[in-house]
Amino acid sequence: MGLARQDLGSAQVSGLLAPARERVAGILAEGQRQGVFHGAVPPGPLSGAIEAHLLALLGTVNSGIWADDGTGAATAALIAAGVDSDTAAATVRQLHATDRIRPPHRPH
C-alpha cells in the first residue's frame, strides 16, 4: 500500500480501492443494523480502521513475525468489528472448512 501510494499517488489508490471500501462499509452497516457488529463507530471509519489493522497484520506476516493462512487475520477483523472472539473464531473455522477463505495464490 505504501509503495502504491508513492507510485500511483494517494488519490489514485483511494479511487481504485473505493468500490471495495464502499462494499465493506455496507457490510458493516448491515451487520450493525442486525446487531452482529458493534455500533460505537460508524461503518466508514470502522472499515478504515479494520483495513489499517489488516495491513499491519499483513506487515507482520511479510516480515516473518507471524505465520497466518488468512484465518487469523479474518478472525481479527471480525473481532475488531465487535464480534465475540469465540464466535469470530468459530465462524472463520466454518468458512475455512467450506473453502470460502483461501490462502493467497503464490506462483511457483
PDB file of N, CA and C in Angstrom:
ATOM      1  N   MET A   1       0.837  -1.192   0.000  1.00  0.00           N
ATOM      2  CA  MET A   1       0.000   0.000   0.000  1.00  0.00           C
ATOM      3  C   MET A   1       0.874   1.244   0.000  1.00  0.00           C
ATOM      4  N   GLY A   2       1.917   1.214   0.829  1.00  0.00           N
ATOM      5  CA  GLY A   2       2.812   2.361   0.891  1.00  0.00           C
ATOM      6  C   GLY A   2       3.481   2.626  -0.446  1.00  0.00           C
ATOM      7  N   LEU A   3       3.946   1.549  -1.090  1.00  0.00           N
ATOM      8  CA  LEU A   3       4.570   1.705  -2.407  1.00  0.00           C
ATOM      9  C   LEU A   3       3.560   2.152  -3.446  1.00  0.00           C
ATOM     10  N   ALA A   4       2.362   1.607  -3.384  1.00  0.00           N
ATOM     11  CA  ALA A   4       1.322   2.016  -4.341  1.00  0.00           C
ATOM     12  C   ALA A   4       1.015   3.495  -4.207  1.00  0.00           C
ATOM     13  N   ARG A   5       0.968   3.995  -2.972  1.00  0.00           N
ATOM     14  CA  ARG A   5       0.708   5.421  -2.771  1.00  0.00           C
ATOM     15  C   ARG A   5       1.844   6.264  -3.341  1.00  0.00           C
ATOM     16  N   GLN A   6       3.076   5.771  -3.203  1.00  0.00           N
ATOM     17  CA  GLN A   6       4.222   6.509  -3.756  1.00  0.00           C
ATOM     18  C   GLN A   6       4.200   6.474  -5.276  1.00  0.00           C
ATOM     19  N   ASP A   7       3.917   5.312  -5.850  1.00  0.00           N
ATOM     20  CA  ASP A   7       3.942   5.155  -7.299  1.00  0.00           C
ATOM     21  C   ASP A   7       2.725   5.765  -7.985  1.00  0.00           C
ATOM     22  N   LEU A   8       1.562   5.550  -7.422  1.00  0.00           N
ATOM     23  CA  LEU A   8       0.318   5.986  -8.062  1.00  0.00           C
ATOM     24  C   LEU A   8      -0.230   7.291  -7.501  1.00  0.00           C
ATOM     25  N   GLY A   9       0.118   7.565  -6.259  1.00  0.00           N
ATOM     26  CA  GLY A   9      -0.458   8.721  -5.583  1.00  0.00           C
ATOM     27  C   GLY A   9      -1.650   8.295  -4.750  1.00  0.00           C
ATOM     28  N   SER A  10      -1.841   8.973  -3.637  1.00  0.00           N
ATOM     29  CA  SER A  10      -2.916   8.608  -2.705  1.00  0.00           C
ATOM     30  C   SER A  10      -4.289   8.678  -3.344  1.00  0.00           C
ATOM     31  N   ALA A  11      -4.509   9.700  -4.173  1.00  0.00           N
ATOM     32  CA  ALA A  11      -5.839   9.863  -4.783  1.00  0.00           C
ATOM     33  C   ALA A  11      -6.166   8.696  -5.700  1.00  0.00           C
ATOM     34  N   GLN A  12      -5.198   8.257  -6.502  1.00  0.00           N
ATOM     35  CA  GLN A  12      -5.464   7.152  -7.420  1.00  0.00           C
ATOM     36  C   GLN A  12      -5.668   5.846  -6.654  1.00  0.00           C
ATOM     37  N   VAL A  13      -4.876   5.604  -5.612  1.00  0.00           N
ATOM     38  CA  VAL A  13      -5.050   4.398  -4.809  1.00  0.00           C
ATOM     39  C   VAL A  13      -6.424   4.414  -4.153  1.00  0.00           C
ATOM     40  N   SER A  14      -6.804   5.560  -3.601  1.00  0.00           N
ATOM     41  CA  SER A  14      -8.136   5.674  -2.988  1.00  0.00           C
ATOM     42  C   SER A  14      -9.232   5.401  -4.003  1.00  0.00           C
ATOM     43  N   GLY A  15      -9.061   5.920  -5.214  1.00  0.00           N
ATOM     44  CA  GLY A  15     -10.049   5.675  -6.266  1.00  0.00           C
ATOM     45  C   GLY A  15     -10.159   4.210  -6.631  1.00  0.00           C
ATOM     46  N   LEU A  16      -9.021   3.528  -6.710  1.00  0.00           N
ATOM     47  CA  LEU A  16      -9.021   2.106  -7.041  1.00  0.00           C
ATOM     48  C   LEU A  16      -9.667   1.264  -5.939  1.00  0.00           C
ATOM     49  N   LEU A  17      -9.447   1.668  -4.693  1.00  0.00           N
ATOM     50  CA  LEU A  17      -9.979   0.908  -3.565  1.00  0.00           C
ATOM     51  C   LEU A  17     -11.397   1.305  -3.169  1.00  0.00           C
ATOM     52  N   ALA A  18     -11.904   2.391  -3.717  1.00  0.00           N
ATOM     53  CA  ALA A  18     -13.220   2.911  -3.321  1.00  0.00           C
ATOM     54  C   ALA A  18     -14.335   1.865  -3.405  1.00  0.00           C
ATOM     55  N   PRO A  19     -14.446   1.100  -4.497  1.00  0.00           N
ATOM     56  CA  PRO A  19     -15.535   0.112  -4.543  1.00  0.00           C
ATOM     57  C   PRO A  19     -15.448  -0.922  -3.417  1.00  0.00           C
ATOM     58  N   ALA A  20     -14.252  -1.427  -3.140  1.00  0.00           N
ATOM     59  CA  ALA A  20     -14.102  -2.414  -2.061  1.00  0.00           C
ATOM     60  C   ALA A  20     -14.397  -1.779  -0.713  1.00  0.00           C
ATOM     61  N   ARG A  21     -13.922  -0.561  -0.510  1.00  0.00           N
ATOM     62  CA  ARG A  21     -14.165   0.123   0.760  1.00  0.00           C
ATOM     63  C   ARG A  21     -15.653   0.383   0.966  1.00  0.00           C
ATOM     64  N   GLU A  22     -16.361   0.767  -0.097  1.00  0.00           N
ATOM     65  CA  GLU A  22     -17.804   1.004  -0.005  1.00  0.00           C
ATOM     66  C   GLU A  22     -18.542  -0.297   0.307  1.00  0.00           C
ATOM     67  N   ARG A  23     -18.100  -1.371  -0.302  1.00  0.00           N
ATOM     68  CA  ARG A  23     -18.742  -2.674  -0.053  1.00  0.00           C
ATOM     69  C   ARG A  23     -18.553  -3.097   1.397  1.00  0.00           C
ATOM     70  N   VAL A  24     -17.336  -2.956   1.915  1.00  0.00           N
ATOM     71  CA  VAL A  24     -17.070  -3.322   3.309  1.00  0.00           C
ATOM     72  C   VAL A  24     -17.893  -2.446   4.243  1.00  0.00           C
ATOM     73  N   ALA A  25     -17.952  -1.150   3.969  1.00  0.00           N
ATOM     74  CA  ALA A  25     -18.753  -0.255   4.814  1.00  0.00           C
ATOM     75  C   ALA A  25     -20.225  -0.667   4.772  1.00  0.00           C
ATOM     76  N   GLY A  26     -20.708  -1.090   3.612  1.00  0.00           N
ATOM     77  CA  GLY A  26     -22.091  -1.568   3.502  1.00  0.00           C
ATOM     78  C   GLY A  26     -22.331  -2.835   4.302  1.00  0.00           C
ATOM     79  N   ILE A  27     -21.379  -3.750   4.262  1.00  0.00           N
ATOM     80  CA  ILE A  27     -21.488  -4.987   5.051  1.00  0.00           C
ATOM     81  C   ILE A  27     -21.488  -4.643   6.534  1.00  0.00           C
ATOM     82  N   LEU A  28     -20.600  -3.734   6.945  1.00  0.00           N
ATOM     83  CA  LEU A  28     -20.552  -3.339   8.352  1.00  0.00           C
ATOM     84  C   LEU A  28     -21.845  -2.647   8.773  1.00  0.00           C
ATOM     85  N   ALA A  29     -22.395  -1.789   7.910  1.00  0.00           N
ATOM     86  CA  ALA A  29     -23.649  -1.099   8.228  1.00  0.00           C
ATOM     87  C   ALA A  29     -24.781  -2.107   8.423  1.00  0.00           C
ATOM     88  N   GLU A  30     -24.852  -3.083   7.535  1.00  0.00           N
ATOM     89  CA  GLU A  30     -25.899  -4.108   7.657  1.00  0.00           C
ATOM     90  C   GLU A  30     -25.690  -4.920   8.932  1.00  0.00           C
ATOM     91  N   GLY A  31     -24.447  -5.283   9.223  1.00  0.00           N
ATOM     92  CA  GLY A  31     -24.153  -6.017  10.442  1.00  0.00           C
ATOM     93  C   GLY A  31     -24.486  -5.215  11.691  1.00  0.00           C
ATOM     94  N   GLN A  32     -24.277  -3.916  11.646  1.00  0.00           N
ATOM     95  CA  GLN A  32     -24.647  -3.064  12.776  1.00  0.00           C
ATOM     96  C   GLN A  32     -26.160  -3.022  12.937  1.00  0.00           C
ATOM     97  N   ARG A  33     -26.889  -2.926  11.825  1.00  0.00           N
ATOM     98  CA  ARG A  33     -28.364  -2.919  11.894  1.00  0.00           C
ATOM     99  C   ARG A  33     -28.886  -4.222  12.489  1.00  0.00           C
ATOM    100  N   GLN A  34     -28.222  -5.328  12.179  1.00  0.00           N
ATOM    101  CA  GLN A  34     -28.643  -6.635  12.671  1.00  0.00           C
ATOM    102  C   GLN A  34     -28.117  -6.931  14.077  1.00  0.00           C
ATOM    103  N   GLY A  35     -27.254  -6.065  14.590  1.00  0.00           N
ATOM    104  CA  GLY A  35     -26.698  -6.271  15.916  1.00  0.00           C
ATOM    105  C   GLY A  35     -25.527  -7.239  15.964  1.00  0.00           C
ATOM    106  N   VAL A  36     -24.992  -7.591  14.799  1.00  0.00           N
ATOM    107  CA  VAL A  36     -23.859  -8.513  14.730  1.00  0.00           C
ATOM    108  C   VAL A  36     -22.557  -7.779  15.067  1.00  0.00           C
ATOM    109  N   PHE A  37     -22.433  -6.541  14.575  1.00  0.00           N
ATOM    110  CA  PHE A  37     -21.250  -5.715  14.814  1.00  0.00           C
ATOM    111  C   PHE A  37     -21.619  -4.578  15.742  1.00  0.00           C
ATOM    112  N   HIS A  38     -20.645  -4.116  16.516  1.00  0.00           N
ATOM    113  CA  HIS A  38     -20.925  -3.008  17.429  1.00  0.00           C
ATOM    114  C   HIS A  38     -21.205  -1.737  16.629  1.00  0.00           C
ATOM    115  N   GLY A  39     -21.921  -0.831  17.237  1.00  0.00           N
ATOM    116  CA  GLY A  39     -22.293   0.396  16.551  1.00  0.00           C
ATOM    117  C   GLY A  39     -21.607   1.628  17.111  1.00  0.00           C
ATOM    118  N   ALA A  40     -20.560   1.451  17.903  1.00  0.00           N
ATOM    119  CA  ALA A  40     -19.882   2.594  18.521  1.00  0.00           C
ATOM    120  C   ALA A  40     -19.153   3.456  17.502  1.00  0.00           C
ATOM    121  N   VAL A  41     -18.738   2.864  16.397  1.00  0.00           N
ATOM    122  CA  VAL A  41     -18.024   3.590  15.346  1.00  0.00           C
ATOM    123  C   VAL A  41     -18.831   3.437  14.060  1.00  0.00           C
ATOM    124  N   PRO A  42     -19.074   4.530  13.337  1.00  0.00           N
ATOM    125  CA  PRO A  42     -19.821   4.423  12.079  1.00  0.00           C
ATOM    126  C   PRO A  42     -19.115   3.499  11.080  1.00  0.00           C
ATOM    127  N   PRO A  43     -19.878   2.920  10.136  1.00  0.00           N
ATOM    128  CA  PRO A  43     -19.313   1.938   9.208  1.00  0.00           C
ATOM    129  C   PRO A  43     -18.094   2.416   8.413  1.00  0.00           C
ATOM    130  N   GLY A  44     -18.114   3.625   7.906  1.00  0.00           N
ATOM    131  CA  GLY A  44     -16.981   4.118   7.108  1.00  0.00           C
ATOM    132  C   GLY A  44     -15.682   4.159   7.897  1.00  0.00           C
ATOM    133  N   PRO A  45     -15.675   4.861   9.042  1.00  0.00           N
ATOM    134  CA  PRO A  45     -14.450   4.871   9.848  1.00  0.00           C
ATOM    135  C   PRO A  45     -14.060   3.488  10.371  1.00  0.00           C
ATOM    136  N   LEU A  46     -15.046   2.661  10.714  1.00  0.00           N
ATOM    137  CA  LEU A  46     -14.743   1.314  11.184  1.00  0.00           C
ATOM    138  C   LEU A  46     -14.077   0.514  10.073  1.00  0.00           C
ATOM    139  N   SER A  47     -14.567   0.645   8.866  1.00  0.00           N
ATOM    140  CA  SER A  47     -13.966  -0.032   7.722  1.00  0.00           C
ATOM    141  C   SER A  47     -12.513   0.395   7.555  1.00  0.00           C
ATOM    142  N   GLY A  48     -12.242   1.698   7.657  1.00  0.00           N
ATOM    143  CA  GLY A  48     -10.873   2.188   7.541  1.00  0.00           C
ATOM    144  C   GLY A  48      -9.971   1.662   8.641  1.00  0.00           C
ATOM    145  N   ALA A  49     -10.510   1.571   9.846  1.00  0.00           N
ATOM    146  CA  ALA A  49      -9.722   1.062  10.973  1.00  0.00           C
ATOM    147  C   ALA A  49      -9.396  -0.417  10.777  1.00  0.00           C
ATOM    148  N   ILE A  50     -10.362  -1.181  10.307  1.00  0.00           N
ATOM    149  CA  ILE A  50     -10.134  -2.607  10.071  1.00  0.00           C
ATOM    150  C   ILE A  50      -9.130  -2.799   8.930  1.00  0.00           C
ATOM    151  N   GLU A  51      -9.241  -1.980   7.900  1.00  0.00           N
ATOM    152  CA  GLU A  51      -8.286  -2.040   6.793  1.00  0.00           C
ATOM    153  C   GLU A  51      -6.859  -1.784   7.301  1.00  0.00           C
ATOM    154  N   ALA A  52      -6.686  -0.762   8.111  1.00  0.00           N
ATOM    155  CA  ALA A  52      -5.364  -0.448   8.662  1.00  0.00           C
ATOM    156  C   ALA A  52      -4.856  -1.590   9.540  1.00  0.00           C
ATOM    157  N   HIS A  53      -5.763  -2.157  10.328  1.00  0.00           N
ATOM    158  CA  HIS A  53      -5.412  -3.284  11.195  1.00  0.00           C
ATOM    159  C   HIS A  53      -4.937  -4.471  10.361  1.00  0.00           C
ATOM    160  N   LEU A  54      -5.664  -4.790   9.298  1.00  0.00           N
ATOM    161  CA  LEU A  54      -5.289  -5.917   8.453  1.00  0.00           C
ATOM    162  C   LEU A  54      -3.973  -5.664   7.725  1.00  0.00           C
ATOM    163  N   LEU A  55      -3.740  -4.429   7.308  1.00  0.00           N
ATOM    164  CA  LEU A  55      -2.462  -4.108   6.667  1.00  0.00           C
ATOM    165  C   LEU A  55      -1.305  -4.260   7.647  1.00  0.00           C
ATOM    166  N   ALA A  56      -1.529  -3.884   8.904  1.00  0.00           N
ATOM    167  CA  ALA A  56      -0.494  -4.061   9.924  1.00  0.00           C
ATOM    168  C   ALA A  56      -0.220  -5.549  10.145  1.00  0.00           C
ATOM    169  N   LEU A  57      -1.269  -6.358  10.179  1.00  0.00           N
ATOM    170  CA  LEU A  57      -1.085  -7.797  10.333  1.00  0.00           C
ATOM    171  C   LEU A  57      -0.355  -8.386   9.124  1.00  0.00           C
ATOM    172  N   LEU A  58      -0.701  -7.932   7.933  1.00  0.00           N
ATOM    173  CA  LEU A  58      -0.009  -8.380   6.722  1.00  0.00           C
ATOM    174  C   LEU A  58       1.475  -8.036   6.803  1.00  0.00           C
ATOM    175  N   GLY A  59       1.782  -6.872   7.340  1.00  0.00           N
ATOM    176  CA  GLY A  59       3.179  -6.484   7.508  1.00  0.00           C
ATOM    177  C   GLY A  59       3.936  -7.445   8.404  1.00  0.00           C
ATOM    178  N   THR A  60       3.278  -7.943   9.450  1.00  0.00           N
ATOM    179  CA  THR A  60       3.950  -8.900  10.336  1.00  0.00           C
ATOM    180  C   THR A  60       4.159 -10.240   9.639  1.00  0.00           C
ATOM    181  N   VAL A  61       3.227 -10.617   8.769  1.00  0.00           N
ATOM    182  CA  VAL A  61       3.387 -11.853   8.001  1.00  0.00           C
ATOM    183  C   VAL A  61       4.536 -11.682   7.007  1.00  0.00           C
ATOM    184  N   ASN A  62       4.548 -10.551   6.309  1.00  0.00           N
ATOM    185  CA  ASN A  62       5.595 -10.304   5.309  1.00  0.00           C
ATOM    186  C   ASN A  62       6.982 -10.229   5.927  1.00  0.00           C
ATOM    187  N   SER A  63       7.065  -9.768   7.168  1.00  0.00           N
ATOM    188  CA  SER A  63       8.373  -9.666   7.818  1.00  0.00           C
ATOM    189  C   SER A  63       8.752 -10.941   8.565  1.00  0.00           C
ATOM    190  N   GLY A  64       7.887 -11.939   8.556  1.00  0.00           N
ATOM    191  CA  GLY A  64       8.191 -13.215   9.181  1.00  0.00           C
ATOM    192  C   GLY A  64       7.932 -13.270  10.676  1.00  0.00           C
ATOM    193  N   ILE A  65       7.297 -12.242  11.226  1.00  0.00           N
ATOM    194  CA  ILE A  65       6.992 -12.224  12.654  1.00  0.00           C
ATOM    195  C   ILE A  65       5.843 -13.166  12.980  1.00  0.00           C
ATOM    196  N   TRP A  66       4.902 -13.303  12.037  1.00  0.00           N
ATOM    197  CA  TRP A  66       3.696 -14.096  12.266  1.00  0.00           C
ATOM    198  C   TRP A  66       3.422 -14.929  11.028  1.00  0.00           C
ATOM    199  N   ALA A  67       3.059 -16.167  11.207  1.00  0.00           N
ATOM    200  CA  ALA A  67       2.639 -17.026  10.101  1.00  0.00           C
ATOM    201  C   ALA A  67       1.123 -17.142  10.167  1.00  0.00           C
ATOM    202  N   ASP A  68       0.458 -16.803   9.079  1.00  0.00           N
ATOM    203  CA  ASP A  68      -1.008 -16.846   9.052  1.00  0.00           C
ATOM    204  C   ASP A  68      -1.457 -17.253   7.660  1.00  0.00           C
ATOM    205  N   ASP A  69      -2.435 -18.117   7.603  1.00  0.00           N
ATOM    206  CA  ASP A  69      -3.000 -18.538   6.317  1.00  0.00           C
ATOM    207  C   ASP A  69      -4.218 -17.697   5.940  1.00  0.00           C
ATOM    208  N   GLY A  70      -4.447 -16.648   6.680  1.00  0.00           N
ATOM    209  CA  GLY A  70      -5.605 -15.787   6.437  1.00  0.00           C
ATOM    210  C   GLY A  70      -6.678 -15.944   7.492  1.00  0.00           C
ATOM    211  N   THR A  71      -6.683 -17.074   8.175  1.00  0.00           N
ATOM    212  CA  THR A  71      -7.728 -17.291   9.166  1.00  0.00           C
ATOM    213  C   THR A  71      -7.531 -16.419  10.402  1.00  0.00           C
ATOM    214  N   GLY A  72      -6.293 -16.212  10.806  1.00  0.00           N
ATOM    215  CA  GLY A  72      -6.031 -15.349  11.961  1.00  0.00           C
ATOM    216  C   GLY A  72      -6.428 -13.915  11.678  1.00  0.00           C
ATOM    217  N   ALA A  73      -6.087 -13.440  10.481  1.00  0.00           N
ATOM    218  CA  ALA A  73      -6.436 -12.075  10.104  1.00  0.00           C
ATOM    219  C   ALA A  73      -7.950 -11.912   9.973  1.00  0.00           C
ATOM    220  N   ALA A  74      -8.620 -12.914   9.405  1.00  0.00           N
ATOM    221  CA  ALA A  74     -10.083 -12.850   9.275  1.00  0.00           C
ATOM    222  C   ALA A  74     -10.741 -12.821  10.649  1.00  0.00           C
ATOM    223  N   THR A  75     -10.227 -13.631  11.569  1.00  0.00           N
ATOM    224  CA  THR A  75     -10.750 -13.642  12.932  1.00  0.00           C
ATOM    225  C   THR A  75     -10.530 -12.285  13.589  1.00  0.00           C
ATOM    226  N   ALA A  76      -9.340 -11.725  13.404  1.00  0.00           N
ATOM    227  CA  ALA A  76      -9.028 -10.412  13.975  1.00  0.00           C
ATOM    228  C   ALA A  76      -9.953  -9.326  13.424  1.00  0.00           C
ATOM    229  N   ALA A  77     -10.276  -9.405  12.132  1.00  0.00           N
ATOM    230  CA  ALA A  77     -11.170  -8.413  11.525  1.00  0.00           C
ATOM    231  C   ALA A  77     -12.564  -8.495  12.137  1.00  0.00           C
ATOM    232  N   LEU A  78     -13.069  -9.704  12.335  1.00  0.00           N
ATOM    233  CA  LEU A  78     -14.390  -9.857  12.953  1.00  0.00           C
ATOM    234  C   LEU A  78     -14.389  -9.351  14.394  1.00  0.00           C
ATOM    235  N   ILE A  79     -13.322  -9.646  15.120  1.00  0.00           N
ATOM    236  CA  ILE A  79     -13.227  -9.164  16.498  1.00  0.00           C
ATOM    237  C   ILE A  79     -13.186  -7.643  16.520  1.00  0.00           C
ATOM    238  N   ALA A  80     -12.436  -7.045  15.602  1.00  0.00           N
ATOM    239  CA  ALA A  80     -12.363  -5.578  15.523  1.00  0.00           C
ATOM    240  C   ALA A  80     -13.725  -4.967  15.215  1.00  0.00           C
ATOM    241  N   ALA A  81     -14.554  -5.709  14.483  1.00  0.00           N
ATOM    242  CA  ALA A  81     -15.893  -5.225  14.151  1.00  0.00           C
ATOM    243  C   ALA A  81     -16.868  -5.392  15.309  1.00  0.00           C
ATOM    244  N   GLY A  82     -16.435  -6.138  16.341  1.00  0.00           N
ATOM    245  CA  GLY A  82     -17.274  -6.279  17.520  1.00  0.00           C
ATOM    246  C   GLY A  82     -17.844  -7.655  17.759  1.00  0.00           C
ATOM    247  N   VAL A  83     -17.398  -8.640  16.985  1.00  0.00           N
ATOM    248  CA  VAL A  83     -17.876  -9.999  17.177  1.00  0.00           C
ATOM    249  C   VAL A  83     -17.096 -10.620  18.339  1.00  0.00           C
ATOM    250  N   ASP A  84     -17.788 -11.340  19.201  1.00  0.00           N
ATOM    251  CA  ASP A  84     -17.152 -12.059  20.306  1.00  0.00           C
ATOM    252  C   ASP A  84     -16.048 -12.953  19.746  1.00  0.00           C
ATOM    253  N   SER A  85     -14.923 -13.046  20.452  1.00  0.00           N
ATOM    254  CA  SER A  85     -13.767 -13.783  19.929  1.00  0.00           C
ATOM    255  C   SER A  85     -14.066 -15.251  19.654  1.00  0.00           C
ATOM    256  N   ASP A  86     -14.829 -15.910  20.515  1.00  0.00           N
ATOM    257  CA  ASP A  86     -15.164 -17.314  20.274  1.00  0.00           C
ATOM    258  C   ASP A  86     -16.037 -17.471  19.039  1.00  0.00           C
ATOM    259  N   THR A  87     -17.009 -16.575  18.882  1.00  0.00           N
ATOM    260  CA  THR A  87     -17.890 -16.609  17.715  1.00  0.00           C
ATOM    261  C   THR A  87     -17.105 -16.305  16.449  1.00  0.00           C
ATOM    262  N   ALA A  88     -16.206 -15.325  16.520  1.00  0.00           N
ATOM    263  CA  ALA A  88     -15.386 -14.974  15.357  1.00  0.00           C
ATOM    264  C   ALA A  88     -14.533 -16.161  14.930  1.00  0.00           C
ATOM    265  N   ALA A  89     -13.867 -16.802  15.886  1.00  0.00           N
ATOM    266  CA  ALA A  89     -13.012 -17.946  15.569  1.00  0.00           C
ATOM    267  C   ALA A  89     -13.831 -19.094  14.984  1.00  0.00           C
ATOM    268  N   ALA A  90     -14.999 -19.364  15.560  1.00  0.00           N
ATOM    269  CA  ALA A  90     -15.843 -20.453  15.060  1.00  0.00           C
ATOM    270  C   ALA A  90     -16.348 -20.150  13.650  1.00  0.00           C
ATOM    271  N   THR A  91     -16.715 -18.905  13.401  1.00  0.00           N
ATOM    272  CA  THR A  91     -17.195 -18.506  12.076  1.00  0.00           C
ATOM    273  C   THR A  91     -16.107 -18.684  11.029  1.00  0.00           C
ATOM    274  N   VAL A  92     -14.904 -18.231  11.358  1.00  0.00           N
ATOM    275  CA  VAL A  92     -13.798 -18.359  10.409  1.00  0.00           C
ATOM    276  C   VAL A  92     -13.442 -19.823  10.181  1.00  0.00           C
ATOM    277  N   ARG A  93     -13.445 -20.624  11.246  1.00  0.00           N
ATOM    278  CA  ARG A  93     -13.175 -22.063  11.080  1.00  0.00           C
ATOM    279  C   ARG A  93     -14.208 -22.693  10.146  1.00  0.00           C
ATOM    280  N   GLN A  94     -15.475 -22.328  10.333  1.00  0.00           N
ATOM    281  CA  GLN A  94     -16.536 -22.886   9.491  1.00  0.00           C
ATOM    282  C   GLN A  94     -16.348 -22.452   8.036  1.00  0.00           C
ATOM    283  N   LEU A  95     -16.060 -21.176   7.814  1.00  0.00           N
ATOM    284  CA  LEU A  95     -15.850 -20.696   6.449  1.00  0.00           C
ATOM    285  C   LEU A  95     -14.624 -21.348   5.825  1.00  0.00           C
ATOM    286  N   HIS A  96     -13.578 -21.494   6.609  1.00  0.00           N
ATOM    287  CA  HIS A  96     -12.355 -22.124   6.106  1.00  0.00           C
ATOM    288  C   HIS A  96     -12.624 -23.584   5.748  1.00  0.00           C
ATOM    289  N   ALA A  97     -13.404 -24.256   6.565  1.00  0.00           N
ATOM    290  CA  ALA A  97     -13.721 -25.662   6.309  1.00  0.00           C
ATOM    291  C   ALA A  97     -14.520 -25.827   5.022  1.00  0.00           C
ATOM    292  N   THR A  98     -15.312 -24.842   4.687  1.00  0.00           N
ATOM    293  CA  THR A  98     -16.091 -24.915   3.453  1.00  0.00           C
ATOM    294  C   THR A  98     -15.336 -24.282   2.294  1.00  0.00           C
ATOM    295  N   ASP A  99     -14.050 -23.967   2.527  1.00  0.00           N
ATOM    296  CA  ASP A  99     -13.142 -23.447   1.500  1.00  0.00           C
ATOM    297  C   ASP A  99     -13.588 -22.098   0.953  1.00  0.00           C
ATOM    298  N   ARG A 100     -14.241 -21.300   1.788  1.00  0.00           N
ATOM    299  CA  ARG A 100     -14.633 -19.964   1.352  1.00  0.00           C
ATOM    300  C   ARG A 100     -13.527 -18.958   1.636  1.00  0.00           C
ATOM    301  N   ILE A 101     -12.595 -19.307   2.512  1.00  0.00           N
ATOM    302  CA  ILE A 101     -11.415 -18.470   2.738  1.00  0.00           C
ATOM    303  C   ILE A 101     -10.236 -19.290   2.249  1.00  0.00           C
ATOM    304  N   ARG A 102      -9.498 -18.751   1.312  1.00  0.00           N
ATOM    305  CA  ARG A 102      -8.372 -19.488   0.747  1.00  0.00           C
ATOM    306  C   ARG A 102      -7.095 -18.679   0.954  1.00  0.00           C
ATOM    307  N   PRO A 103      -5.988 -19.377   1.188  1.00  0.00           N
ATOM    308  CA  PRO A 103      -4.713 -18.675   1.250  1.00  0.00           C
ATOM    309  C   PRO A 103      -4.438 -18.018  -0.102  1.00  0.00           C
ATOM    310  N   PRO A 104      -3.700 -16.932  -0.126  1.00  0.00           N
ATOM    311  CA  PRO A 104      -3.419 -16.279  -1.417  1.00  0.00           C
ATOM    312  C   PRO A 104      -2.634 -17.202  -2.330  1.00  0.00           C
ATOM    313  N   HIS A 105      -2.936 -17.117  -3.620  1.00  0.00           N
ATOM    314  CA  HIS A 105      -2.233 -17.902  -4.605  1.00  0.00           C
ATOM    315  C   HIS A 105      -0.819 -17.344  -4.762  1.00  0.00           C
ATOM    316  N   ARG A 106       0.154 -18.196  -4.664  1.00  0.00           N
ATOM    317  CA  ARG A 106       1.550 -17.780  -4.822  1.00  0.00           C
ATOM    318  C   ARG A 106       2.121 -18.540  -6.006  1.00  0.00           C
ATOM    319  N   PRO A 107       2.500 -17.817  -7.073  1.00  0.00           N
ATOM    320  CA  PRO A 107       3.078 -18.507  -8.245  1.00  0.00           C
ATOM    321  C   PRO A 107       4.385 -19.189  -7.871  1.00  0.00           C
ATOM    322  N   HIS A 108       4.642 -20.318  -8.492  1.00  0.00           N
ATOM    323  CA  HIS A 108       5.863 -21.086  -8.183  1.00  0.00           C
ATOM    324  C   HIS A 108       7.027 -20.599  -8.970  1.00  0.00           C
TER     325      HIS A 108
END
